[in-house]
Amino acid sequence: MREEILRLERVTCLEQGVVQLENFNLQIFRGEIMGLLAVNSHGLNTLLGLLRRRLPLQRGYVYYREKQINAWGSEIPGRGPQRIAIIENRSSLVSGMTVADNIFVLRPSFKSWLIRPALLRAQLAPVLEKLGADFSPDDYVDKLTAFQRFVVEMLKAVLGGCRLIVLREVGTFISDADLSRLHEVIRRFAREGVAFLYIGYHFEELREICDRTALLINGTIPKVLLRGEPLFSCGEPYHRLVQAQMERRERPAPGGEAVFQARHITGGMVKDLSFSVRAGECVVLQDLNNQIFGDLLALLTGELPLKEGDFELCGQPFSPAYTRKIAILLEHADDSMLMRELSVLDNLCFTLDHRLPGVWHDARLRRGIEQECGGLLDAKLFQLWPEQLTTAQKYDLVYARILLQKPKVVFCIQPFQGADMELRMRIWNHLERLLGQGIGVVILAVNLADSLSLAHQLVRVHRSAPNEVYSRKDFSTLSSTAPWVDFYQQL
């Protein structure tokens, strides 16, 4: 009989009076890799909160390693952390310390008064060798790649006694090749009896690794898919959208001169990077090591000195600086791109004063902007503040502001990060609208999920090897683990 690691039985949980989980059932066994496909994100944070600590339940029971750890209507015996590891983009490792120190010294069960680095190294080195790790116990964690950091966090959890590891959206932060390597490490731990809850937003990624996949919709799980079982109708609208877009984009990429060009750019972590983008063209820069994006934007804005190379904007040499001809969309744009102290209308007009200098004091002009944006935003939103908007409405506001700004090129940092299936469709349509307006779009991504379906050109940036450039007709030659590559092969 299989050993049960986790069971949530008929769980109902509220936060601030809103039902987040309703009649929620989930069961994970020893050595199983269980997928959780977030069709929408409602209830996901509450689920992770239940796994981190004992939250009050309105109904249901929670069992971990066949022992009840939470129940409705009962006194909650303490709210300390449970032996369940949750690994996501925000690292739990302490920078400035070595791999061995993070794994052993910072463990609650470490009781020694003296730290013996040689002893810790001797204990950890064979484990790393067995995993095929390409780093040593003495490496500092702030120098590790995203893949190496995930391996260290999993190893720390296993050696710390965790028998369930939750991985949240790892495919967004790790390149396709490293993701395959990470899957091998996960399978190795699973064979040793560790259970995994693998949370993602892409069924293509989950089906590669998971034994079963549960669908999270509105705080409940209506169906669990077995390995090899196709995704049912909830995923079809997004697949149809992607496939239709790919078929439309089989026409040649936009012609003409490049609106933006970078030639042999070097500075910070960026080494000899070249690319160009035309009006209405989408170029994806894939950073295989997840290290250059911050430095690339700093070079573009002049915050970081340019050692070699040059930029060109609209056919003219461009000295790095802030300019309204270039727009930058940061990760989690609903949070990072809005000013909470400003109204919705002020947020919309924030990058418009270069076109309409009187926008801040001319009430008639501002009313005209509200009317003109009727097709982009609901008129009722102009009476609200950003914190009163839903996540989808915040994204609508951010992209509407970019359209009004009318830049020549937009740099988008991982625009789909953290977005469930419904929100991805919305963001995807916003990016398509930018391209339709003749704006060049440069997507900075680690994993190719979603971005590849919009791209006319892909540039894969390596740390110690020449960069690879793919045109759209070459996408079918990419690794089989790349999302949507089967569509390109069919086309």
Protein backbone atom coordinates (compact mmCIF):
# COMPACT_ATOMS: atom_id res chain seq x y z
CA MET A 1 0.00 0.00 0.00
CA ARG A 2 1.36 3.41 -1.01
CA GLU A 3 2.37 5.80 1.75
CA GLU A 4 0.34 8.98 1.76
CA ILE A 5 2.37 12.18 2.15
CA LEU A 6 -0.31 14.88 1.88
CA ARG A 7 -4.10 14.87 1.88
CA LEU A 8 -6.43 17.86 1.87
CA GLU A 9 -9.96 16.54 2.40
CA ARG A 10 -13.01 18.70 1.63
CA VAL A 11 -11.13 21.85 2.64
CA THR A 12 -12.97 25.17 2.60
CA CYS A 13 -10.99 28.26 3.55
CA LEU A 14 -11.89 31.96 3.61
CA GLU A 15 -9.71 35.06 3.59
CA GLN A 16 -11.25 38.43 4.45
CA GLY A 17 -14.69 36.92 4.01
CA VAL A 18 -14.02 35.63 0.48
CA VAL A 19 -14.03 31.89 -0.23
CA GLN A 20 -10.58 30.99 -1.58
CA LEU A 21 -10.73 27.20 -1.42
CA GLU A 22 -14.05 25.36 -1.58
CA ASN A 23 -14.49 21.62 -1.10
CA PHE A 24 -10.83 21.26 -2.08
CA ASN A 25 -9.45 17.71 -2.32
CA LEU A 26 -5.85 16.79 -3.06
CA GLN A 27 -3.83 13.63 -2.35
CA ILE A 28 -0.10 13.09 -2.94
CA PHE A 29 1.79 9.83 -2.33
CA ARG A 30 5.39 9.01 -1.48
CA GLY A 31 7.71 9.42 -4.48
CA GLU A 32 4.97 10.99 -6.63
CA ILE A 33 5.38 14.10 -8.75
CA MET A 34 1.96 15.73 -8.64
CA GLY A 35 1.23 18.57 -11.02
CA LEU A 36 -1.10 21.49 -10.29
CA LEU A 37 -2.20 23.40 -13.38
CA ALA A 38 -3.51 26.83 -12.38
CA VAL A 39 -6.18 27.51 -14.98
CA ASN A 40 -6.79 30.58 -12.86
CA SER A 41 -4.93 31.63 -9.73
CA HIS A 42 -7.90 31.94 -7.40
CA GLY A 43 -7.04 30.14 -4.16
CA LEU A 44 -3.44 29.35 -5.06
CA ASN A 45 -1.84 31.64 -2.47
CA THR A 46 -4.24 30.34 0.18
CA LEU A 47 -3.23 26.77 -0.65
CA LEU A 48 0.45 27.66 -0.22
CA GLY A 49 -0.41 29.41 3.04
CA LEU A 50 -2.05 26.21 4.32
CA LEU A 51 1.09 24.27 3.49
CA ARG A 52 3.37 26.81 5.15
CA ARG A 53 1.43 27.08 8.40
CA ARG A 54 -1.84 26.04 10.03
CA LEU A 55 -4.53 28.46 8.86
CA PRO A 56 -8.06 28.27 10.27
CA LEU A 57 -10.44 26.16 8.17
CA GLN A 58 -14.17 26.59 7.74
CA ARG A 59 -14.44 22.92 6.76
CA GLY A 60 -12.22 19.97 6.04
CA TYR A 61 -9.03 18.32 7.22
CA VAL A 62 -5.35 18.40 6.33
CA TYR A 63 -3.06 15.38 6.78
CA TYR A 64 0.71 15.30 6.39
CA ARG A 65 2.52 11.97 6.46
CA GLU A 66 -0.71 10.30 7.58
CA LYS A 67 -1.09 12.55 10.64
CA GLN A 68 -3.78 15.19 10.98
CA ILE A 69 -2.17 18.63 11.19
CA ASN A 70 -5.24 20.82 10.72
CA ALA A 71 -9.02 20.50 11.04
CA TRP A 72 -12.04 22.76 10.97
CA GLY A 73 -13.57 23.91 14.25
CA SER A 74 -10.56 22.86 16.32
CA GLU A 75 -7.95 24.74 18.26
CA ILE A 76 -4.88 25.34 16.13
CA PRO A 77 -1.85 24.03 18.06
CA GLY A 78 0.75 26.59 17.13
CA ARG A 79 1.42 28.32 13.84
CA GLY A 80 5.03 27.42 13.25
CA PRO A 81 6.32 26.28 9.86
CA GLN A 82 5.64 22.71 8.75
CA ARG A 83 8.21 20.38 7.22
CA ILE A 84 7.04 21.19 3.72
CA ALA A 85 9.45 23.10 1.50
CA ILE A 86 8.10 25.71 -0.92
CA ILE A 87 10.57 26.79 -3.60
CA GLU A 88 9.76 29.70 -5.87
CA ASN A 89 11.47 32.67 -7.53
CA ARG A 90 12.25 34.41 -4.24
CA SER A 91 15.24 32.53 -2.88
CA SER A 92 15.31 31.27 0.69
CA LEU A 93 19.11 30.98 0.60
CA VAL A 94 21.31 33.50 2.40
CA SER A 95 23.61 35.36 0.03
CA GLY A 96 27.18 35.89 1.15
CA MET A 97 27.34 32.33 2.47
CA THR A 98 28.49 29.15 0.77
CA VAL A 99 26.38 26.25 -0.45
CA ALA A 100 27.55 24.08 2.48
CA ASP A 101 26.77 26.80 5.03
CA ASN A 102 23.25 27.26 3.67
CA ILE A 103 22.52 23.54 3.70
CA PHE A 104 24.04 22.58 7.05
CA VAL A 105 24.76 25.59 9.28
CA LEU A 106 21.40 27.31 8.80
CA ARG A 107 19.44 24.11 9.42
CA PRO A 108 17.43 24.23 12.69
CA SER A 109 18.91 20.90 13.79
CA PHE A 110 22.52 22.16 13.51
CA LYS A 111 23.72 22.28 17.14
CA SER A 112 27.48 22.52 16.86
CA TRP A 113 29.23 25.49 18.42
CA LEU A 114 32.08 25.22 15.94
CA ILE A 115 31.78 25.26 12.15
CA ARG A 116 34.22 22.90 10.44
CA PRO A 117 34.17 23.79 6.71
CA ALA A 118 36.32 20.80 5.74
CA LEU A 119 33.91 18.40 7.44
CA LEU A 120 30.86 20.02 5.83
CA ARG A 121 32.58 19.91 2.46
CA ALA A 122 33.43 16.25 2.85
CA GLN A 123 29.81 15.42 3.72
CA LEU A 124 28.28 17.38 0.86
CA ALA A 125 30.71 16.69 -1.99
CA PRO A 126 29.61 13.06 -2.59
CA VAL A 127 25.95 14.11 -2.64
CA LEU A 128 26.61 16.79 -5.23
CA GLU A 129 28.65 14.37 -7.31
CA LYS A 130 25.80 11.84 -7.21
CA LEU A 131 23.41 14.52 -8.49
CA GLY A 132 25.81 15.53 -11.25
CA ALA A 133 25.92 19.10 -9.92
CA ASP A 134 28.28 21.52 -11.65
CA PHE A 135 29.11 23.54 -8.52
CA SER A 136 31.02 22.90 -5.31
CA PRO A 137 30.14 23.15 -1.59
CA ASP A 138 32.41 26.20 -1.31
CA ASP A 139 30.64 28.25 -4.00
CA TYR A 140 28.77 31.31 -2.76
CA VAL A 141 25.05 31.08 -3.44
CA ASP A 142 24.78 34.59 -4.90
CA LYS A 143 27.04 33.40 -7.75
CA LEU A 144 24.85 30.42 -8.65
CA THR A 145 22.64 30.23 -11.72
CA ALA A 146 18.88 29.82 -11.32
CA PHE A 147 19.18 26.09 -12.00
CA GLN A 148 21.95 25.63 -9.43
CA ARG A 149 19.99 27.62 -6.85
CA PHE A 150 16.92 25.41 -7.26
CA VAL A 151 19.09 22.30 -6.83
CA VAL A 152 20.60 23.70 -3.62
CA GLU A 153 17.18 24.58 -2.22
CA MET A 154 15.83 21.10 -2.97
CA LEU A 155 18.89 19.48 -1.42
CA LYS A 156 18.55 21.68 1.66
CA ALA A 157 14.89 20.63 2.00
CA VAL A 158 15.60 16.92 1.63
CA LEU A 159 18.51 16.94 4.10
CA GLY A 160 16.35 18.98 6.46
CA GLY A 161 13.74 16.20 6.63
CA CYS A 162 11.08 17.54 4.24
CA ARG A 163 9.18 14.78 2.46
CA LEU A 164 7.10 17.15 0.34
CA ILE A 165 8.62 19.85 -1.87
CA VAL A 166 6.42 22.41 -3.61
CA LEU A 167 7.87 23.94 -6.78
CA ARG A 168 6.06 27.04 -8.00
CA GLU A 169 6.39 28.19 -11.61
CA VAL A 170 10.01 27.10 -11.97
CA GLY A 171 9.74 27.00 -15.77
CA THR A 172 9.55 30.80 -15.89
CA PHE A 173 12.99 31.26 -14.34
CA ILE A 174 14.92 28.36 -15.89
CA SER A 175 15.76 27.89 -19.57
CA ASP A 176 14.48 24.90 -21.52
CA ALA A 177 17.79 23.00 -21.40
CA ASP A 178 18.27 23.58 -17.65
CA LEU A 179 14.64 22.67 -17.04
CA SER A 180 15.31 19.21 -18.48
CA ARG A 181 18.29 18.87 -16.13
CA LEU A 182 16.17 20.00 -13.19
CA HIS A 183 13.55 17.39 -14.08
CA GLU A 184 16.21 14.69 -13.84
CA VAL A 185 17.15 15.89 -10.35
CA ILE A 186 13.47 15.89 -9.34
CA ARG A 187 13.03 12.33 -10.61
CA ARG A 188 16.11 11.22 -8.67
CA PHE A 189 14.72 12.63 -5.42
CA ALA A 190 11.32 11.11 -6.20
CA ARG A 191 12.89 7.67 -6.55
CA GLU A 192 14.27 8.16 -3.04
CA GLY A 193 10.74 8.73 -1.71
CA VAL A 194 10.39 12.52 -1.80
CA ALA A 195 7.00 13.76 -3.04
CA PHE A 196 6.60 16.89 -5.18
CA LEU A 197 3.78 19.32 -5.88
CA TYR A 198 4.76 20.94 -9.19
CA ILE A 199 2.72 24.12 -9.75
CA GLY A 200 2.70 25.65 -13.21
CA TYR A 201 0.61 27.49 -15.75
CA HIS A 202 1.57 25.40 -18.78
CA PHE A 203 0.24 21.92 -19.36
CA GLU A 204 3.06 21.35 -21.88
CA GLU A 205 5.58 21.68 -19.05
CA LEU A 206 3.65 19.63 -16.49
CA ARG A 207 3.02 16.68 -18.77
CA GLU A 208 6.79 16.24 -19.24
CA ILE A 209 7.43 15.53 -15.57
CA CYS A 210 4.24 14.86 -13.59
CA ASP A 211 2.67 11.49 -12.79
CA ARG A 212 -0.73 13.14 -12.34
CA THR A 213 -1.94 16.70 -12.89
CA ALA A 214 -4.75 18.39 -10.95
CA LEU A 215 -6.60 21.34 -12.47
CA LEU A 216 -7.11 24.33 -10.16
CA ILE A 217 -10.17 26.35 -11.19
CA ASN A 218 -11.79 28.95 -8.89
CA GLY A 219 -10.36 27.43 -5.72
CA THR A 220 -11.37 23.84 -6.40
CA ILE A 221 -10.07 20.81 -8.27
CA PRO A 222 -12.71 19.50 -10.70
CA LYS A 223 -10.48 16.94 -12.40
CA VAL A 224 -7.17 15.09 -12.06
CA LEU A 225 -5.44 14.03 -15.29
CA LEU A 226 -3.35 10.87 -15.46
CA ARG A 227 -0.02 10.81 -17.31
CA GLY A 228 -0.68 10.92 -21.04
CA GLU A 229 -4.27 12.07 -20.69
CA PRO A 230 -4.96 15.18 -22.83
CA LEU A 231 -6.01 18.50 -21.38
CA PHE A 232 -9.78 18.90 -21.49
CA SER A 233 -11.76 21.89 -22.78
CA CYS A 234 -10.54 24.51 -20.26
CA GLY A 235 -7.24 24.79 -22.14
CA GLU A 236 -8.64 24.75 -25.66
CA PRO A 237 -9.36 28.53 -26.05
CA TYR A 238 -5.74 29.42 -25.33
CA HIS A 239 -4.42 26.69 -27.63
CA ARG A 240 -6.73 27.85 -30.42
CA LEU A 241 -5.58 31.44 -29.90
CA VAL A 242 -1.91 30.45 -30.14
CA GLN A 243 -2.41 28.20 -33.16
CA ALA A 244 -4.45 30.79 -35.05
CA GLN A 245 -1.82 33.42 -34.35
CA MET A 246 0.96 31.14 -35.57
CA GLU A 247 -0.90 30.49 -38.79
CA ARG A 248 -1.43 34.22 -39.34
CA ARG A 249 2.20 34.94 -38.62
CA GLU A 250 3.49 32.54 -41.23
CA ARG A 251 3.64 35.60 -43.47
CA PRO A 252 7.10 37.23 -43.66
CA ALA A 253 8.28 39.39 -40.80
CA PRO A 254 7.83 43.16 -41.17
CA GLY A 255 10.31 44.74 -43.54
CA GLY A 256 11.97 48.14 -43.58
CA GLU A 257 14.69 49.65 -41.47
CA ALA A 258 15.19 48.69 -37.85
CA VAL A 259 13.61 51.08 -35.35
CA PHE A 260 16.10 49.92 -32.72
CA GLN A 261 19.46 48.24 -33.05
CA ALA A 262 22.11 47.09 -30.58
CA ARG A 263 25.55 46.28 -31.96
CA HIS A 264 28.10 44.28 -29.95
CA ILE A 265 26.90 45.63 -26.62
CA THR A 266 29.22 44.90 -23.68
CA GLY A 267 28.82 46.04 -20.09
CA GLY A 268 28.10 44.39 -16.75
CA MET A 269 26.95 40.81 -17.40
CA VAL A 270 26.15 41.59 -21.05
CA LYS A 271 28.83 40.34 -23.44
CA ASP A 272 28.91 41.16 -27.17
CA LEU A 273 25.13 41.23 -27.67
CA SER A 274 23.68 42.25 -31.04
CA PHE A 275 20.06 42.38 -32.17
CA SER A 276 17.64 44.62 -34.04
CA VAL A 277 13.86 45.07 -34.19
CA ARG A 278 11.66 46.59 -36.90
CA ALA A 279 8.32 48.35 -36.58
CA GLY A 280 5.64 45.76 -35.78
CA GLU A 281 8.22 43.02 -35.22
CA CYS A 282 8.60 40.88 -32.08
CA VAL A 283 12.09 39.77 -31.08
CA VAL A 284 12.60 37.42 -28.13
CA LEU A 285 15.90 37.54 -26.22
CA GLN A 286 16.24 34.31 -24.27
CA ASP A 287 18.77 34.58 -21.44
CA LEU A 288 19.77 30.96 -20.85
CA ASN A 289 21.39 31.87 -17.51
CA ASN A 290 18.87 34.44 -16.22
CA GLN A 291 21.58 37.01 -15.54
CA ILE A 292 21.67 39.80 -18.14
CA PHE A 293 18.26 41.45 -18.11
CA GLY A 294 18.90 43.94 -15.32
CA ASP A 295 22.25 44.97 -16.78
CA LEU A 296 20.82 45.26 -20.31
CA LEU A 297 18.15 47.71 -19.15
CA ALA A 298 20.73 49.60 -17.08
CA LEU A 299 22.92 49.95 -20.19
CA LEU A 300 19.91 51.13 -22.18
CA THR A 301 19.01 53.86 -19.66
CA GLY A 302 22.60 54.92 -18.96
CA GLU A 303 22.65 53.67 -15.36
CA LEU A 304 25.50 51.30 -16.29
CA PRO A 305 28.43 52.46 -18.44
CA LEU A 306 28.69 50.95 -21.91
CA LYS A 307 32.16 49.44 -22.38
CA GLU A 308 31.80 48.49 -26.02
CA GLY A 309 29.23 48.68 -28.79
CA ASP A 310 26.53 51.20 -29.58
CA PHE A 311 22.76 51.66 -29.89
CA GLU A 312 20.77 53.06 -32.78
CA LEU A 313 17.21 54.40 -32.50
CA CYS A 314 15.15 55.29 -35.59
CA GLY A 315 18.25 55.24 -37.76
CA GLN A 316 20.21 57.65 -35.54
CA PRO A 317 22.94 56.95 -32.96
CA PHE A 318 21.39 56.74 -29.49
CA SER A 319 23.20 57.72 -26.31
CA PRO A 320 21.84 55.63 -23.41
CA ALA A 321 19.27 57.70 -21.50
CA TYR A 322 15.61 57.73 -20.54
CA THR A 323 13.43 58.55 -23.55
CA ARG A 324 9.72 58.26 -24.30
CA LYS A 325 10.60 56.63 -27.64
CA ILE A 326 11.50 53.52 -25.62
CA ALA A 327 9.08 51.93 -23.16
CA ILE A 328 10.05 49.35 -20.54
CA LEU A 329 7.55 46.90 -19.05
CA LEU A 330 8.86 45.29 -15.89
CA GLU A 331 7.96 41.89 -14.47
CA HIS A 332 4.57 41.72 -12.73
CA ALA A 333 3.52 44.94 -14.47
CA ASP A 334 0.28 45.10 -12.46
CA ASP A 335 2.37 45.88 -9.38
CA SER A 336 5.65 47.33 -10.66
CA MET A 337 4.28 49.70 -13.33
CA LEU A 338 1.54 51.54 -11.43
CA MET A 339 1.78 54.42 -8.95
CA ARG A 340 -0.68 53.81 -6.12
CA GLU A 341 -0.58 57.47 -5.08
CA LEU A 342 -1.99 58.53 -8.47
CA SER A 343 -5.50 58.01 -9.80
CA VAL A 344 -6.25 55.71 -12.72
CA LEU A 345 -6.40 58.70 -15.09
CA ASP A 346 -3.11 60.12 -13.78
CA ASN A 347 -1.48 56.71 -14.23
CA LEU A 348 -2.80 56.61 -17.79
CA CYS A 349 -1.40 60.08 -18.57
CA PHE A 350 1.92 59.56 -16.80
CA THR A 351 3.93 59.09 -20.04
CA LEU A 352 1.75 61.30 -22.24
CA ASP A 353 2.99 64.82 -21.46
CA HIS A 354 5.64 64.70 -24.20
CA ARG A 355 2.79 64.52 -26.73
CA LEU A 356 0.25 66.65 -24.87
CA PRO A 357 2.09 69.16 -22.63
CA GLY A 358 -1.15 70.44 -21.07
CA VAL A 359 -2.35 67.07 -19.90
CA TRP A 360 -1.77 67.82 -16.19
CA HIS A 361 -3.73 71.08 -15.95
CA ASP A 362 -6.19 71.09 -18.84
CA ALA A 363 -9.43 69.51 -17.55
CA ARG A 364 -11.02 69.57 -21.00
CA LEU A 365 -8.09 67.69 -22.46
CA ARG A 366 -8.23 65.09 -19.70
CA ARG A 367 -11.95 64.53 -20.33
CA GLY A 368 -11.13 64.03 -23.99
CA ILE A 369 -8.55 61.39 -23.07
CA GLU A 370 -11.16 59.53 -21.03
CA GLN A 371 -13.49 59.50 -24.02
CA GLU A 372 -10.78 58.45 -26.47
CA CYS A 373 -9.77 55.53 -24.23
CA GLY A 374 -13.29 54.12 -24.12
CA GLY A 375 -12.23 51.25 -26.34
CA LEU A 376 -9.25 50.40 -24.14
CA LEU A 377 -10.60 50.87 -20.61
CA ASP A 378 -14.00 50.75 -18.95
CA ALA A 379 -15.15 54.33 -18.31
CA LYS A 380 -16.03 53.39 -14.69
CA LEU A 381 -12.35 52.75 -13.92
CA PHE A 382 -11.48 56.45 -14.17
CA GLN A 383 -13.29 57.04 -10.88
CA LEU A 384 -11.09 54.53 -9.05
CA TRP A 385 -7.58 54.18 -7.69
CA PRO A 386 -5.15 51.42 -8.78
CA GLU A 387 -5.62 49.41 -5.58
CA GLN A 388 -9.33 49.13 -6.35
CA LEU A 389 -8.71 47.44 -9.72
CA THR A 390 -8.55 43.73 -10.41
CA THR A 391 -5.30 42.26 -11.69
CA ALA A 392 -6.69 42.07 -15.23
CA GLN A 393 -7.80 45.72 -15.10
CA LYS A 394 -4.35 46.77 -13.89
CA TYR A 395 -2.76 45.08 -16.91
CA ASP A 396 -5.31 46.81 -19.17
CA LEU A 397 -4.29 50.16 -17.65
CA VAL A 398 -0.56 49.53 -18.09
CA TYR A 399 -0.86 48.50 -21.74
CA ALA A 400 -3.27 51.34 -22.51
CA ARG A 401 -0.65 53.76 -21.17
CA ILE A 402 1.97 52.24 -23.48
CA LEU A 403 -0.37 52.63 -26.47
CA LEU A 404 -0.96 56.31 -25.65
CA GLN A 405 2.78 56.87 -25.19
CA LYS A 406 3.39 55.52 -28.73
CA PRO A 407 7.01 54.44 -28.28
CA LYS A 408 9.05 53.11 -31.16
CA VAL A 409 10.03 49.99 -29.22
CA VAL A 410 8.87 48.28 -26.01
CA PHE A 411 11.13 46.09 -23.86
CA CYS A 412 9.02 43.56 -21.93
CA ILE A 413 10.66 41.61 -19.10
CA GLN A 414 8.98 38.21 -18.76
CA PRO A 415 5.50 39.65 -19.46
CA PHE A 416 3.70 36.35 -18.74
CA GLN A 417 5.37 35.65 -15.41
CA GLY A 418 2.88 34.62 -12.72
CA ALA A 419 -0.10 34.87 -15.11
CA ASP A 420 -2.72 32.15 -15.14
CA MET A 421 -4.32 30.93 -18.37
CA GLU A 422 -7.00 33.63 -18.47
CA LEU A 423 -4.56 36.46 -17.76
CA ARG A 424 -2.04 35.10 -20.28
CA MET A 425 -4.67 35.35 -23.02
CA ARG A 426 -5.27 38.97 -22.02
CA ILE A 427 -1.57 39.90 -21.99
CA TRP A 428 -1.06 38.03 -25.24
CA ASN A 429 -3.77 40.14 -26.93
CA HIS A 430 -2.27 43.36 -25.51
CA LEU A 431 1.12 42.53 -27.03
CA GLU A 432 -0.55 41.69 -30.33
CA ARG A 433 -2.22 45.12 -30.27
CA LEU A 434 1.16 46.82 -29.76
CA LEU A 435 2.55 44.97 -32.76
CA GLY A 436 -0.51 45.91 -34.79
CA GLN A 437 0.17 49.59 -34.04
CA GLY A 438 3.63 49.27 -35.59
CA ILE A 439 5.51 49.24 -32.30
CA GLY A 440 8.58 47.02 -32.09
CA VAL A 441 8.44 44.58 -29.18
CA VAL A 442 11.49 43.02 -27.52
CA ILE A 443 10.58 40.29 -25.03
CA LEU A 444 13.24 39.41 -22.47
CA ALA A 445 12.58 35.85 -21.32
CA VAL A 446 14.29 32.89 -19.69
CA ASN A 447 11.79 30.25 -20.74
CA LEU A 448 10.12 30.48 -24.13
CA ALA A 449 6.61 29.74 -22.91
CA ASP A 450 4.05 32.01 -24.67
CA SER A 451 6.69 34.40 -25.99
CA LEU A 452 7.69 32.10 -28.84
CA SER A 453 4.20 32.20 -30.35
CA LEU A 454 4.50 35.99 -30.83
CA ALA A 455 8.10 36.07 -32.03
CA HIS A 456 9.39 36.77 -35.51
CA GLN A 457 12.96 36.23 -34.34
CA LEU A 458 14.62 34.47 -31.39
CA VAL A 459 18.06 35.31 -29.99
CA ARG A 460 19.38 32.80 -27.45
CA VAL A 461 22.03 34.45 -25.27
CA HIS A 462 24.77 32.20 -23.88
CA ARG A 463 27.22 33.07 -21.14
CA SER A 464 30.31 31.40 -22.62
CA ALA A 465 29.36 30.59 -26.21
CA PRO A 466 28.25 32.50 -29.33
CA ASN A 467 24.63 33.60 -29.32
CA GLU A 468 22.15 31.72 -31.51
CA VAL A 469 19.75 33.53 -33.84
CA TYR A 470 16.61 31.83 -35.17
CA SER A 471 14.15 33.21 -37.68
CA ARG A 472 10.55 32.06 -37.53
CA LYS A 473 11.03 29.38 -40.17
CA ASP A 474 13.73 27.81 -37.98
CA PHE A 475 11.60 27.54 -34.81
CA SER A 476 10.65 23.94 -35.65
CA THR A 477 14.30 22.94 -35.16
CA LEU A 478 14.28 23.97 -31.47
CA SER A 479 14.39 21.42 -28.68
CA SER A 480 11.25 19.34 -28.29
CA THR A 481 10.89 20.73 -24.75
CA ALA A 482 10.26 24.24 -26.10
CA PRO A 483 6.58 25.20 -25.79
CA TRP A 484 4.43 25.14 -28.93
CA VAL A 485 7.28 23.62 -30.97
CA ASP A 486 4.88 20.87 -32.08
CA PHE A 487 2.70 23.55 -33.66
CA TYR A 488 5.65 24.84 -35.68
CA GLN A 489 6.52 21.33 -36.79
CA GLN A 490 2.92 20.83 -37.97
CA LEU A 491 2.95 24.16 -39.82
